[in-house]
Amino acid sequence: MGGVARFDVRGGEVTLRGARQEVRFDGRSADLTLALGAPAPVTAIATGGSIAFTAPPRGGFTLDAIANAGAVRLSGVDVPVTAEGEGQRAKGDVAGGGPTVALRATDGGIDVRAAATGS
């Protein structure tokens, strides 16, 4: 399936699992849970919400995650996390790099984890 999956959300939450195409999310007081099925570009902006991102099971990507007034938490993903103003930033290539996964959260956190193994 091609194209771009677009979400413009005011309040609530969006859960998308197994996405294999470009994803764009703009949320106000909304949370995003996204698990990629294959490497794909992602642009996700959450204002007053959080982002939970699970890496694709195979293939690489370039992570650029910024939590303004929040934290970036990584699990099984080896990129540096640095202080950025009142928040944190994680930026770097994962599994050799690839499409950019740009995650931005203001007044919320970002959780990035490796795909579960053995599934």
PDB file of N, CA and C in Angstrom:
ATOM      1  N   MET A   1       0.852  -1.175   0.000  1.00  0.00           N
ATOM      2  CA  MET A   1       0.000   0.000   0.000  1.00  0.00           C
ATOM      3  C   MET A   1       0.893   1.232   0.000  1.00  0.00           C
ATOM      4  N   GLY A   2       0.616   2.185  -0.875  1.00  0.00           N
ATOM      5  CA  GLY A   2       1.428   3.385  -0.975  1.00  0.00           C
ATOM      6  C   GLY A   2       0.715   4.578  -0.386  1.00  0.00           C
ATOM      7  N   GLY A   3       1.205   5.747  -0.717  1.00  0.00           N
ATOM      8  CA  GLY A   3       0.580   6.968  -0.227  1.00  0.00           C
ATOM      9  C   GLY A   3       1.097   7.371   1.127  1.00  0.00           C
ATOM     10  N   VAL A   4       0.424   8.352   1.688  1.00  0.00           N
ATOM     11  CA  VAL A   4       0.799   8.899   2.982  1.00  0.00           C
ATOM     12  C   VAL A   4      -0.374   8.726   3.943  1.00  0.00           C
ATOM     13  N   ALA A   5      -0.106   8.205   5.127  1.00  0.00           N
ATOM     14  CA  ALA A   5      -1.131   8.120   6.166  1.00  0.00           C
ATOM     15  C   ALA A   5      -1.063   9.424   6.955  1.00  0.00           C
ATOM     16  N   ARG A   6      -2.125  10.235   6.891  1.00  0.00           N
ATOM     17  CA  ARG A   6      -2.153  11.543   7.554  1.00  0.00           C
ATOM     18  C   ARG A   6      -3.197  11.559   8.660  1.00  0.00           C
ATOM     19  N   PHE A   7      -2.780  12.145   9.792  1.00  0.00           N
ATOM     20  CA  PHE A   7      -3.682  12.263  10.933  1.00  0.00           C
ATOM     21  C   PHE A   7      -3.576  13.669  11.498  1.00  0.00           C
ATOM     22  N   ASP A   8      -4.687  14.361  11.591  1.00  0.00           N
ATOM     23  CA  ASP A   8      -4.774  15.679  12.220  1.00  0.00           C
ATOM     24  C   ASP A   8      -5.798  15.516  13.338  1.00  0.00           C
ATOM     25  N   VAL A   9      -5.317  15.428  14.571  1.00  0.00           N
ATOM     26  CA  VAL A   9      -6.156  15.004  15.692  1.00  0.00           C
ATOM     27  C   VAL A   9      -6.193  16.063  16.778  1.00  0.00           C
ATOM     28  N   ARG A  10      -7.368  16.314  17.301  1.00  0.00           N
ATOM     29  CA  ARG A  10      -7.558  17.225  18.431  1.00  0.00           C
ATOM     30  C   ARG A  10      -8.189  16.422  19.555  1.00  0.00           C
ATOM     31  N   GLY A  11      -7.367  16.009  20.514  1.00  0.00           N
ATOM     32  CA  GLY A  11      -7.855  15.208  21.635  1.00  0.00           C
ATOM     33  C   GLY A  11      -7.945  13.742  21.264  1.00  0.00           C
ATOM     34  N   GLY A  12      -7.693  12.883  22.232  1.00  0.00           N
ATOM     35  CA  GLY A  12      -7.806  11.450  22.006  1.00  0.00           C
ATOM     36  C   GLY A  12      -6.474  10.804  21.710  1.00  0.00           C
ATOM     37  N   GLU A  13      -6.536   9.710  20.947  1.00  0.00           N
ATOM     38  CA  GLU A  13      -5.318   8.978  20.639  1.00  0.00           C
ATOM     39  C   GLU A  13      -5.450   8.257  19.315  1.00  0.00           C
ATOM     40  N   VAL A  14      -4.310   8.014  18.690  1.00  0.00           N
ATOM     41  CA  VAL A  14      -4.229   7.261  17.444  1.00  0.00           C
ATOM     42  C   VAL A  14      -3.244   6.131  17.655  1.00  0.00           C
ATOM     43  N   THR A  15      -3.640   4.909  17.263  1.00  0.00           N
ATOM     44  CA  THR A  15      -2.754   3.756  17.303  1.00  0.00           C
ATOM     45  C   THR A  15      -2.669   3.188  15.902  1.00  0.00           C
ATOM     46  N   LEU A  16      -1.447   3.060  15.402  1.00  0.00           N
ATOM     47  CA  LEU A  16      -1.210   2.546  14.056  1.00  0.00           C
ATOM     48  C   LEU A  16      -0.096   1.519  14.151  1.00  0.00           C
ATOM     49  N   ARG A  17      -0.407   0.269  13.788  1.00  0.00           N
ATOM     50  CA  ARG A  17       0.577  -0.817  13.871  1.00  0.00           C
ATOM     51  C   ARG A  17       0.809  -1.408  12.485  1.00  0.00           C
ATOM     52  N   GLY A  18       2.077  -1.682  12.184  1.00  0.00           N
ATOM     53  CA  GLY A  18       2.417  -2.335  10.923  1.00  0.00           C
ATOM     54  C   GLY A  18       2.473  -1.396   9.729  1.00  0.00           C
ATOM     55  N   ALA A  19       2.536  -0.091   9.964  1.00  0.00           N
ATOM     56  CA  ALA A  19       2.578   0.876   8.854  1.00  0.00           C
ATOM     57  C   ALA A  19       3.820   0.633   8.000  1.00  0.00           C
ATOM     58  N   ARG A  20       3.623   0.708   6.679  1.00  0.00           N
ATOM     59  CA  ARG A  20       4.719   0.495   5.739  1.00  0.00           C
ATOM     60  C   ARG A  20       4.858   1.662   4.771  1.00  0.00           C
ATOM     61  N   GLN A  21       4.113   2.734   5.031  1.00  0.00           N
ATOM     62  CA  GLN A  21       4.200   3.915   4.185  1.00  0.00           C
ATOM     63  C   GLN A  21       4.455   5.137   5.046  1.00  0.00           C
ATOM     64  N   GLU A  22       4.694   6.258   4.397  1.00  0.00           N
ATOM     65  CA  GLU A  22       4.952   7.501   5.112  1.00  0.00           C
ATOM     66  C   GLU A  22       3.790   7.835   6.044  1.00  0.00           C
ATOM     67  N   VAL A  23       4.136   8.306   7.247  1.00  0.00           N
ATOM     68  CA  VAL A  23       3.133   8.683   8.245  1.00  0.00           C
ATOM     69  C   VAL A  23       3.370  10.128   8.653  1.00  0.00           C
ATOM     70  N   ARG A  24       2.272  10.911   8.684  1.00  0.00           N
ATOM     71  CA  ARG A  24       2.314  12.287   9.189  1.00  0.00           C
ATOM     72  C   ARG A  24       1.219  12.445  10.229  1.00  0.00           C
ATOM     73  N   PHE A  25       1.625  12.908  11.415  1.00  0.00           N
ATOM     74  CA  PHE A  25       0.700  13.062  12.537  1.00  0.00           C
ATOM     75  C   PHE A  25       0.864  14.447  13.125  1.00  0.00           C
ATOM     76  N   ASP A  26      -0.246  15.147  13.306  1.00  0.00           N
ATOM     77  CA  ASP A  26      -0.257  16.441  13.984  1.00  0.00           C
ATOM     78  C   ASP A  26      -1.348  16.355  15.039  1.00  0.00           C
ATOM     79  N   GLY A  27      -0.935  16.317  16.303  1.00  0.00           N
ATOM     80  CA  GLY A  27      -1.899  16.135  17.377  1.00  0.00           C
ATOM     81  C   GLY A  27      -1.838  17.239  18.415  1.00  0.00           C
ATOM     82  N   ARG A  28      -3.002  17.683  18.843  1.00  0.00           N
ATOM     83  CA  ARG A  28      -3.132  18.645  19.938  1.00  0.00           C
ATOM     84  C   ARG A  28      -3.885  17.931  21.052  1.00  0.00           C
ATOM     85  N   SER A  29      -3.244  17.825  22.221  1.00  0.00           N
ATOM     86  CA  SER A  29      -3.820  17.064  23.342  1.00  0.00           C
ATOM     87  C   SER A  29      -4.191  15.658  22.879  1.00  0.00           C
ATOM     88  N   ALA A  30      -3.314  15.077  22.073  1.00  0.00           N
ATOM     89  CA  ALA A  30      -3.548  13.741  21.514  1.00  0.00           C
ATOM     90  C   ALA A  30      -2.264  12.932  21.614  1.00  0.00           C
ATOM     91  N   ASP A  31      -2.419  11.626  21.788  1.00  0.00           N
ATOM     92  CA  ASP A  31      -1.290  10.710  21.892  1.00  0.00           C
ATOM     93  C   ASP A  31      -1.207   9.850  20.634  1.00  0.00           C
ATOM     94  N   LEU A  32       0.017   9.519  20.233  1.00  0.00           N
ATOM     95  CA  LEU A  32       0.253   8.665  19.081  1.00  0.00           C
ATOM     96  C   LEU A  32       1.030   7.432  19.515  1.00  0.00           C
ATOM     97  N   THR A  33       0.535   6.254  19.117  1.00  0.00           N
ATOM     98  CA  THR A  33       1.265   4.999  19.257  1.00  0.00           C
ATOM     99  C   THR A  33       1.461   4.477  17.843  1.00  0.00           C
ATOM    100  N   LEU A  34       2.717   4.358  17.425  1.00  0.00           N
ATOM    101  CA  LEU A  34       3.038   3.982  16.050  1.00  0.00           C
ATOM    102  C   LEU A  34       4.084   2.887  16.045  1.00  0.00           C
ATOM    103  N   ALA A  35       3.791   1.784  15.351  1.00  0.00           N
ATOM    104  CA  ALA A  35       4.741   0.693  15.160  1.00  0.00           C
ATOM    105  C   ALA A  35       4.895   0.476  13.662  1.00  0.00           C
ATOM    106  N   LEU A  36       6.085   0.734  13.143  1.00  0.00           N
ATOM    107  CA  LEU A  36       6.328   0.547  11.719  1.00  0.00           C
ATOM    108  C   LEU A  36       6.529  -0.929  11.395  1.00  0.00           C
ATOM    109  N   GLY A  37       5.980  -1.358  10.263  1.00  0.00           N
ATOM    110  CA  GLY A  37       6.202  -2.710   9.766  1.00  0.00           C
ATOM    111  C   GLY A  37       7.404  -2.779   8.855  1.00  0.00           C
ATOM    112  N   ALA A  38       7.815  -1.627   8.319  1.00  0.00           N
ATOM    113  CA  ALA A  38       8.978  -1.508   7.437  1.00  0.00           C
ATOM    114  C   ALA A  38       9.477  -0.073   7.544  1.00  0.00           C
ATOM    115  N   PRO A  39      10.748   0.172   7.216  1.00  0.00           N
ATOM    116  CA  PRO A  39      11.247   1.542   7.272  1.00  0.00           C
ATOM    117  C   PRO A  39      10.425   2.468   6.376  1.00  0.00           C
ATOM    118  N   ALA A  40      10.071   3.636   6.918  1.00  0.00           N
ATOM    119  CA  ALA A  40       9.289   4.624   6.184  1.00  0.00           C
ATOM    120  C   ALA A  40       9.488   5.979   6.850  1.00  0.00           C
ATOM    121  N   PRO A  41       9.356   7.061   6.084  1.00  0.00           N
ATOM    122  CA  PRO A  41       9.469   8.385   6.693  1.00  0.00           C
ATOM    123  C   PRO A  41       8.306   8.654   7.650  1.00  0.00           C
ATOM    124  N   VAL A  42       8.626   9.311   8.767  1.00  0.00           N
ATOM    125  CA  VAL A  42       7.599   9.672   9.751  1.00  0.00           C
ATOM    126  C   VAL A  42       7.842  11.107  10.179  1.00  0.00           C
ATOM    127  N   THR A  43       6.768  11.883  10.227  1.00  0.00           N
ATOM    128  CA  THR A  43       6.781  13.207  10.841  1.00  0.00           C
ATOM    129  C   THR A  43       5.629  13.225  11.826  1.00  0.00           C
ATOM    130  N   ALA A  44       5.939  13.299  13.116  1.00  0.00           N
ATOM    131  CA  ALA A  44       4.898  13.282  14.144  1.00  0.00           C
ATOM    132  C   ALA A  44       5.123  14.437  15.106  1.00  0.00           C
ATOM    133  N   ILE A  45       4.083  15.258  15.270  1.00  0.00           N
ATOM    134  CA  ILE A  45       4.127  16.402  16.172  1.00  0.00           C
ATOM    135  C   ILE A  45       2.978  16.263  17.162  1.00  0.00           C
ATOM    136  N   ALA A  46       3.311  16.232  18.454  1.00  0.00           N
ATOM    137  CA  ALA A  46       2.296  16.127  19.501  1.00  0.00           C
ATOM    138  C   ALA A  46       2.468  17.303  20.457  1.00  0.00           C
ATOM    139  N   THR A  47       1.453  18.136  20.543  1.00  0.00           N
ATOM    140  CA  THR A  47       1.458  19.263  21.471  1.00  0.00           C
ATOM    141  C   THR A  47       0.488  18.927  22.597  1.00  0.00           C
ATOM    142  N   GLY A  48       1.026  18.778  23.808  1.00  0.00           N
ATOM    143  CA  GLY A  48       0.182  18.377  24.927  1.00  0.00           C
ATOM    144  C   GLY A  48      -0.170  16.905  24.875  1.00  0.00           C
ATOM    145  N   GLY A  49       0.649  16.125  24.199  1.00  0.00           N
ATOM    146  CA  GLY A  49       0.432  14.686  24.088  1.00  0.00           C
ATOM    147  C   GLY A  49       1.761  13.970  24.051  1.00  0.00           C
ATOM    148  N   SER A  50       1.708  12.654  23.940  1.00  0.00           N
ATOM    149  CA  SER A  50       2.924  11.860  23.927  1.00  0.00           C
ATOM    150  C   SER A  50       3.001  11.030  22.655  1.00  0.00           C
ATOM    151  N   ILE A  51       4.217  10.537  22.385  1.00  0.00           N
ATOM    152  CA  ILE A  51       4.456   9.693  21.217  1.00  0.00           C
ATOM    153  C   ILE A  51       5.151   8.424  21.691  1.00  0.00           C
ATOM    154  N   ALA A  52       4.609   7.269  21.294  1.00  0.00           N
ATOM    155  CA  ALA A  52       5.246   5.976  21.532  1.00  0.00           C
ATOM    156  C   ALA A  52       5.532   5.377  20.163  1.00  0.00           C
ATOM    157  N   PHE A  53       6.816   5.194  19.842  1.00  0.00           N
ATOM    158  CA  PHE A  53       7.231   4.726  18.525  1.00  0.00           C
ATOM    159  C   PHE A  53       7.986   3.418  18.663  1.00  0.00           C
ATOM    160  N   THR A  54       7.597   2.407  17.860  1.00  0.00           N
ATOM    161  CA  THR A  54       8.313   1.143  17.813  1.00  0.00           C
ATOM    162  C   THR A  54       8.951   1.009  16.441  1.00  0.00           C
ATOM    163  N   ALA A  55      10.264   0.761  16.434  1.00  0.00           N
ATOM    164  CA  ALA A  55      11.039   0.641  15.206  1.00  0.00           C
ATOM    165  C   ALA A  55      10.552  -0.542  14.371  1.00  0.00           C
ATOM    166  N   PRO A  56      10.800  -0.492  13.070  1.00  0.00           N
ATOM    167  CA  PRO A  56      10.450  -1.642  12.233  1.00  0.00           C
ATOM    168  C   PRO A  56      11.306  -2.852  12.613  1.00  0.00           C
ATOM    169  N   PRO A  57      10.783  -4.071  12.406  1.00  0.00           N
ATOM    170  CA  PRO A  57      11.530  -5.264  12.803  1.00  0.00           C
ATOM    171  C   PRO A  57      12.804  -5.472  11.989  1.00  0.00           C
ATOM    172  N   ARG A  58      12.828  -4.993  10.739  1.00  0.00           N
ATOM    173  CA  ARG A  58      14.005  -5.100   9.890  1.00  0.00           C
ATOM    174  C   ARG A  58      14.211  -3.791   9.161  1.00  0.00           C
ATOM    175  N   GLY A  59      15.470  -3.454   8.921  1.00  0.00           N
ATOM    176  CA  GLY A  59      15.793  -2.235   8.193  1.00  0.00           C
ATOM    177  C   GLY A  59      16.105  -1.099   9.150  1.00  0.00           C
ATOM    178  N   GLY A  60      16.776  -0.095   8.611  1.00  0.00           N
ATOM    179  CA  GLY A  60      17.202   1.008   9.448  1.00  0.00           C
ATOM    180  C   GLY A  60      16.418   2.281   9.208  1.00  0.00           C
ATOM    181  N   PHE A  61      16.709   3.270  10.043  1.00  0.00           N
ATOM    182  CA  PHE A  61      16.090   4.585   9.927  1.00  0.00           C
ATOM    183  C   PHE A  61      16.970   5.589  10.649  1.00  0.00           C
ATOM    184  N   THR A  62      16.720   6.853  10.409  1.00  0.00           N
ATOM    185  CA  THR A  62      17.424   7.925  11.095  1.00  0.00           C
ATOM    186  C   THR A  62      16.459   8.572  12.068  1.00  0.00           C
ATOM    187  N   LEU A  63      16.782   8.524  13.343  1.00  0.00           N
ATOM    188  CA  LEU A  63      15.920   9.065  14.383  1.00  0.00           C
ATOM    189  C   LEU A  63      16.286  10.507  14.698  1.00  0.00           C
ATOM    190  N   ASP A  64      15.269  11.355  14.784  1.00  0.00           N
ATOM    191  CA  ASP A  64      15.434  12.734  15.249  1.00  0.00           C
ATOM    192  C   ASP A  64      14.229  13.034  16.142  1.00  0.00           C
ATOM    193  N   ALA A  65      14.388  12.814  17.443  1.00  0.00           N
ATOM    194  CA  ALA A  65      13.291  12.964  18.404  1.00  0.00           C
ATOM    195  C   ALA A  65      13.604  14.090  19.383  1.00  0.00           C
ATOM    196  N   ILE A  66      12.672  15.036  19.516  1.00  0.00           N
ATOM    197  CA  ILE A  66      12.835  16.152  20.449  1.00  0.00           C
ATOM    198  C   ILE A  66      11.599  16.245  21.334  1.00  0.00           C
ATOM    199  N   ALA A  67      11.833  16.212  22.645  1.00  0.00           N
ATOM    200  CA  ALA A  67      10.759  16.421  23.618  1.00  0.00           C
ATOM    201  C   ALA A  67      11.030  17.756  24.301  1.00  0.00           C
ATOM    202  N   ASN A  68      10.211  18.746  24.008  1.00  0.00           N
ATOM    203  CA  ASN A  68      10.318  20.057  24.655  1.00  0.00           C
ATOM    204  C   ASN A  68       9.566  19.984  25.977  1.00  0.00           C
ATOM    205  N   ALA A  69      10.241  20.298  27.065  1.00  0.00           N
ATOM    206  CA  ALA A  69       9.653  20.208  28.405  1.00  0.00           C
ATOM    207  C   ALA A  69       9.196  18.781  28.692  1.00  0.00           C
ATOM    208  N   GLY A  70       9.995  17.818  28.215  1.00  0.00           N
ATOM    209  CA  GLY A  70       9.685  16.411  28.432  1.00  0.00           C
ATOM    210  C   GLY A  70      10.933  15.568  28.266  1.00  0.00           C
ATOM    211  N   ALA A  71      10.753  14.255  28.252  1.00  0.00           N
ATOM    212  CA  ALA A  71      11.875  13.331  28.157  1.00  0.00           C
ATOM    213  C   ALA A  71      11.759  12.458  26.924  1.00  0.00           C
ATOM    214  N   VAL A  72      12.923  12.074  26.392  1.00  0.00           N
ATOM    215  CA  VAL A  72      13.012  11.069  25.345  1.00  0.00           C
ATOM    216  C   VAL A  72      13.565   9.812  26.004  1.00  0.00           C
ATOM    217  N   ARG A  73      12.788   8.728  25.962  1.00  0.00           N
ATOM    218  CA  ARG A  73      13.196   7.469  26.566  1.00  0.00           C
ATOM    219  C   ARG A  73      13.417   6.435  25.460  1.00  0.00           C
ATOM    220  N   LEU A  74      14.566   5.751  25.509  1.00  0.00           N
ATOM    221  CA  LEU A  74      14.921   4.763  24.495  1.00  0.00           C
ATOM    222  C   LEU A  74      15.030   3.385  25.118  1.00  0.00           C
ATOM    223  N   SER A  75      14.576   2.385  24.387  1.00  0.00           N
ATOM    224  CA  SER A  75      14.683   1.004  24.831  1.00  0.00           C
ATOM    225  C   SER A  75      15.130   0.149  23.644  1.00  0.00           C
ATOM    226  N   GLY A  76      16.365  -0.341  23.693  1.00  0.00           N
ATOM    227  CA  GLY A  76      16.888  -1.175  22.620  1.00  0.00           C
ATOM    228  C   GLY A  76      17.311  -0.399  21.385  1.00  0.00           C
ATOM    229  N   VAL A  77      17.360   0.912  21.478  1.00  0.00           N
ATOM    230  CA  VAL A  77      17.770   1.784  20.375  1.00  0.00           C
ATOM    231  C   VAL A  77      18.986   2.564  20.852  1.00  0.00           C
ATOM    232  N   ASP A  78      20.098   2.423  20.128  1.00  0.00           N
ATOM    233  CA  ASP A  78      21.363   2.988  20.580  1.00  0.00           C
ATOM    234  C   ASP A  78      21.710   4.271  19.827  1.00  0.00           C
ATOM    235  N   VAL A  79      21.157   5.381  20.279  1.00  0.00           N
ATOM    236  CA  VAL A  79      21.539   6.709  19.799  1.00  0.00           C
ATOM    237  C   VAL A  79      21.691   7.600  21.030  1.00  0.00           C
ATOM    238  N   PRO A  80      22.507   8.632  20.932  1.00  0.00           N
ATOM    239  CA  PRO A  80      22.705   9.489  22.100  1.00  0.00           C
ATOM    240  C   PRO A  80      21.480  10.348  22.404  1.00  0.00           C
ATOM    241  N   VAL A  81      21.234  10.553  23.699  1.00  0.00           N
ATOM    242  CA  VAL A  81      20.192  11.471  24.169  1.00  0.00           C
ATOM    243  C   VAL A  81      20.903  12.632  24.848  1.00  0.00           C
ATOM    244  N   THR A  82      20.583  13.851  24.418  1.00  0.00           N
ATOM    245  CA  THR A  82      21.225  15.038  24.972  1.00  0.00           C
ATOM    246  C   THR A  82      20.179  16.008  25.504  1.00  0.00           C
ATOM    247  N   ALA A  83      20.625  16.875  26.409  1.00  0.00           N
ATOM    248  CA  ALA A  83      19.739  17.931  26.908  1.00  0.00           C
ATOM    249  C   ALA A  83      19.525  18.945  25.788  1.00  0.00           C
ATOM    250  N   GLU A  84      18.300  19.421  25.682  1.00  0.00           N
ATOM    251  CA  GLU A  84      17.949  20.416  24.667  1.00  0.00           C
ATOM    252  C   GLU A  84      16.971  21.387  25.328  1.00  0.00           C
ATOM    253  N   GLY A  85      17.464  22.535  25.778  1.00  0.00           N
ATOM    254  CA  GLY A  85      16.609  23.479  26.494  1.00  0.00           C
ATOM    255  C   GLY A  85      16.068  22.833  27.752  1.00  0.00           C
ATOM    256  N   GLU A  86      14.744  22.856  27.889  1.00  0.00           N
ATOM    257  CA  GLU A  86      14.091  22.222  29.038  1.00  0.00           C
ATOM    258  C   GLU A  86      13.722  20.774  28.768  1.00  0.00           C
ATOM    259  N   GLY A  87      14.160  20.246  27.628  1.00  0.00           N
ATOM    260  CA  GLY A  87      13.807  18.880  27.262  1.00  0.00           C
ATOM    261  C   GLY A  87      15.007  18.064  26.854  1.00  0.00           C
ATOM    262  N   GLN A  88      14.758  17.105  25.959  1.00  0.00           N
ATOM    263  CA  GLN A  88      15.801  16.193  25.510  1.00  0.00           C
ATOM    264  C   GLN A  88      15.667  15.941  24.017  1.00  0.00           C
ATOM    265  N   ARG A  89      16.808  15.516  23.419  1.00  0.00           N
ATOM    266  CA  ARG A  89      16.835  15.174  22.004  1.00  0.00           C
ATOM    267  C   ARG A  89      17.617  13.882  21.812  1.00  0.00           C
ATOM    268  N   ALA A  90      17.111  13.012  20.958  1.00  0.00           N
ATOM    269  CA  ALA A  90      17.821  11.803  20.543  1.00  0.00           C
ATOM    270  C   ALA A  90      17.954  11.872  19.031  1.00  0.00           C
ATOM    271  N   LYS A  91      19.190  11.786  18.553  1.00  0.00           N
ATOM    272  CA  LYS A  91      19.408  11.907  17.117  1.00  0.00           C
ATOM    273  C   LYS A  91      20.521  10.973  16.691  1.00  0.00           C
ATOM    274  N   GLY A  92      20.265  10.209  15.612  1.00  0.00           N
ATOM    275  CA  GLY A  92      21.296   9.335  15.070  1.00  0.00           C
ATOM    276  C   GLY A  92      20.717   8.239  14.204  1.00  0.00           C
ATOM    277  N   ASP A  93      21.620   7.523  13.541  1.00  0.00           N
ATOM    278  CA  ASP A  93      21.217   6.408  12.689  1.00  0.00           C
ATOM    279  C   ASP A  93      20.975   5.159  13.532  1.00  0.00           C
ATOM    280  N   VAL A  94      19.926   4.445  13.181  1.00  0.00           N
ATOM    281  CA  VAL A  94      19.590   3.186  13.831  1.00  0.00           C
ATOM    282  C   VAL A  94      19.690   2.095  12.767  1.00  0.00           C
ATOM    283  N   ALA A  95      20.396   1.032  13.054  1.00  0.00           N
ATOM    284  CA  ALA A  95      20.561  -0.101  12.138  1.00  0.00           C
ATOM    285  C   ALA A  95      21.050   0.357  10.760  1.00  0.00           C
ATOM    286  N   GLY A  96      22.015   1.271  10.747  1.00  0.00           N
ATOM    287  CA  GLY A  96      22.611   1.709   9.491  1.00  0.00           C
ATOM    288  C   GLY A  96      21.946   2.903   8.839  1.00  0.00           C
ATOM    289  N   GLY A  97      20.894   3.427   9.433  1.00  0.00           N
ATOM    290  CA  GLY A  97      20.209   4.608   8.889  1.00  0.00           C
ATOM    291  C   GLY A  97      19.179   4.248   7.828  1.00  0.00           C
ATOM    292  N   GLY A  98      18.508   5.274   7.349  1.00  0.00           N
ATOM    293  CA  GLY A  98      17.448   5.088   6.363  1.00  0.00           C
ATOM    294  C   GLY A  98      16.509   6.273   6.419  1.00  0.00           C
ATOM    295  N   PRO A  99      15.213   6.047   6.141  1.00  0.00           N
ATOM    296  CA  PRO A  99      14.249   7.147   6.169  1.00  0.00           C
ATOM    297  C   PRO A  99      14.249   7.861   7.516  1.00  0.00           C
ATOM    298  N   THR A 100      13.983   9.154   7.498  1.00  0.00           N
ATOM    299  CA  THR A 100      13.977   9.939   8.736  1.00  0.00           C
ATOM    300  C   THR A 100      12.671   9.761   9.501  1.00  0.00           C
ATOM    301  N   VAL A 101      12.815   9.504  10.785  1.00  0.00           N
ATOM    302  CA  VAL A 101      11.700   9.455  11.725  1.00  0.00           C
ATOM    303  C   VAL A 101      11.850  10.675  12.622  1.00  0.00           C
ATOM    304  N   ALA A 102      11.060  11.722  12.336  1.00  0.00           N
ATOM    305  CA  ALA A 102      11.120  12.980  13.086  1.00  0.00           C
ATOM    306  C   ALA A 102       9.951  13.018  14.055  1.00  0.00           C
ATOM    307  N   LEU A 103      10.260  13.003  15.339  1.00  0.00           N
ATOM    308  CA  LEU A 103       9.251  12.996  16.394  1.00  0.00           C
ATOM    309  C   LEU A 103       9.423  14.254  17.232  1.00  0.00           C
ATOM    310  N   ARG A 104       8.329  14.993  17.458  1.00  0.00           N
ATOM    311  CA  ARG A 104       8.364  16.210  18.261  1.00  0.00           C
ATOM    312  C   ARG A 104       7.221  16.172  19.259  1.00  0.00           C
ATOM    313  N   ALA A 105       7.546  16.374  20.529  1.00  0.00           N
ATOM    314  CA  ALA A 105       6.514  16.436  21.566  1.00  0.00           C
ATOM    315  C   ALA A 105       6.757  17.679  22.415  1.00  0.00           C
ATOM    316  N   THR A 106       5.721  18.467  22.620  1.00  0.00           N
ATOM    317  CA  THR A 106       5.777  19.626  23.499  1.00  0.00           C
ATOM    318  C   THR A 106       4.838  19.350  24.662  1.00  0.00           C
ATOM    319  N   ASP A 107       5.370  19.464  25.883  1.00  0.00           N
ATOM    320  CA  ASP A 107       4.614  19.140  27.097  1.00  0.00           C
ATOM    321  C   ASP A 107       4.162  17.691  27.092  1.00  0.00           C
ATOM    322  N   GLY A 108       5.033  16.814  26.624  1.00  0.00           N
ATOM    323  CA  GLY A 108       4.774  15.378  26.602  1.00  0.00           C
ATOM    324  C   GLY A 108       6.086  14.664  26.364  1.00  0.00           C
ATOM    325  N   GLY A 109       6.069  13.355  26.486  1.00  0.00           N
ATOM    326  CA  GLY A 109       7.277  12.578  26.319  1.00  0.00           C
ATOM    327  C   GLY A 109       7.268  11.769  25.030  1.00  0.00           C
ATOM    328  N   ILE A 110       8.442  11.248  24.722  1.00  0.00           N
ATOM    329  CA  ILE A 110       8.603  10.380  23.553  1.00  0.00           C
ATOM    330  C   ILE A 110       9.273   9.098  24.015  1.00  0.00           C
ATOM    331  N   ASP A 111       8.664   7.962  23.680  1.00  0.00           N
ATOM    332  CA  ASP A 111       9.230   6.649  23.960  1.00  0.00           C
ATOM    333  C   ASP A 111       9.563   5.991  22.624  1.00  0.00           C
ATOM    334  N   VAL A 112      10.808   5.566  22.467  1.00  0.00           N
ATOM    335  CA  VAL A 112      11.247   4.888  21.250  1.00  0.00           C
ATOM    336  C   VAL A 112      11.793   3.542  21.670  1.00  0.00           C
ATOM    337  N   ARG A 113      11.301   2.480  21.019  1.00  0.00           N
ATOM    338  CA  ARG A 113      11.777   1.146  21.373  1.00  0.00           C
ATOM    339  C   ARG A 113      12.033   0.319  20.115  1.00  0.00           C
ATOM    340  N   ALA A 114      12.938  -0.630  20.275  1.00  0.00           N
ATOM    341  CA  ALA A 114      13.215  -1.577  19.202  1.00  0.00           C
ATOM    342  C   ALA A 114      12.019  -2.513  19.066  1.00  0.00           C
ATOM    343  N   ALA A 115      11.863  -3.066  17.870  1.00  0.00           N
ATOM    344  CA  ALA A 115      10.795  -4.038  17.651  1.00  0.00           C
ATOM    345  C   ALA A 115      11.049  -5.276  18.504  1.00  0.00           C
ATOM    346  N   ALA A 116       9.981  -5.906  18.943  1.00  0.00           N
ATOM    347  CA  ALA A 116      10.104  -7.150  19.722  1.00  0.00           C
ATOM    348  C   ALA A 116      10.714  -8.219  18.845  1.00  0.00           C
ATOM    349  N   THR A 117      11.585  -9.024  19.416  1.00  0.00           N
ATOM    350  CA  THR A 117      12.187 -10.111  18.668  1.00  0.00           C
ATOM    351  C   THR A 117      11.376 -11.385  18.864  1.00  0.00           C
ATOM    352  N   GLY A 118      11.451 -12.256  17.864  1.00  0.00           N
ATOM    353  CA  GLY A 118      10.751 -13.525  17.976  1.00  0.00           C
ATOM    354  C   GLY A 118       9.285 -13.464  17.649  1.00  0.00           C
ATOM    355  N   SER A 119       8.813 -12.352  17.030  1.00  0.00           N
ATOM    356  CA  SER A 119       7.388 -12.297  16.703  1.00  0.00           C
ATOM    357  C   SER A 119       7.158 -12.397  15.233  1.00  0.00           C
TER     358      SER A 119
END
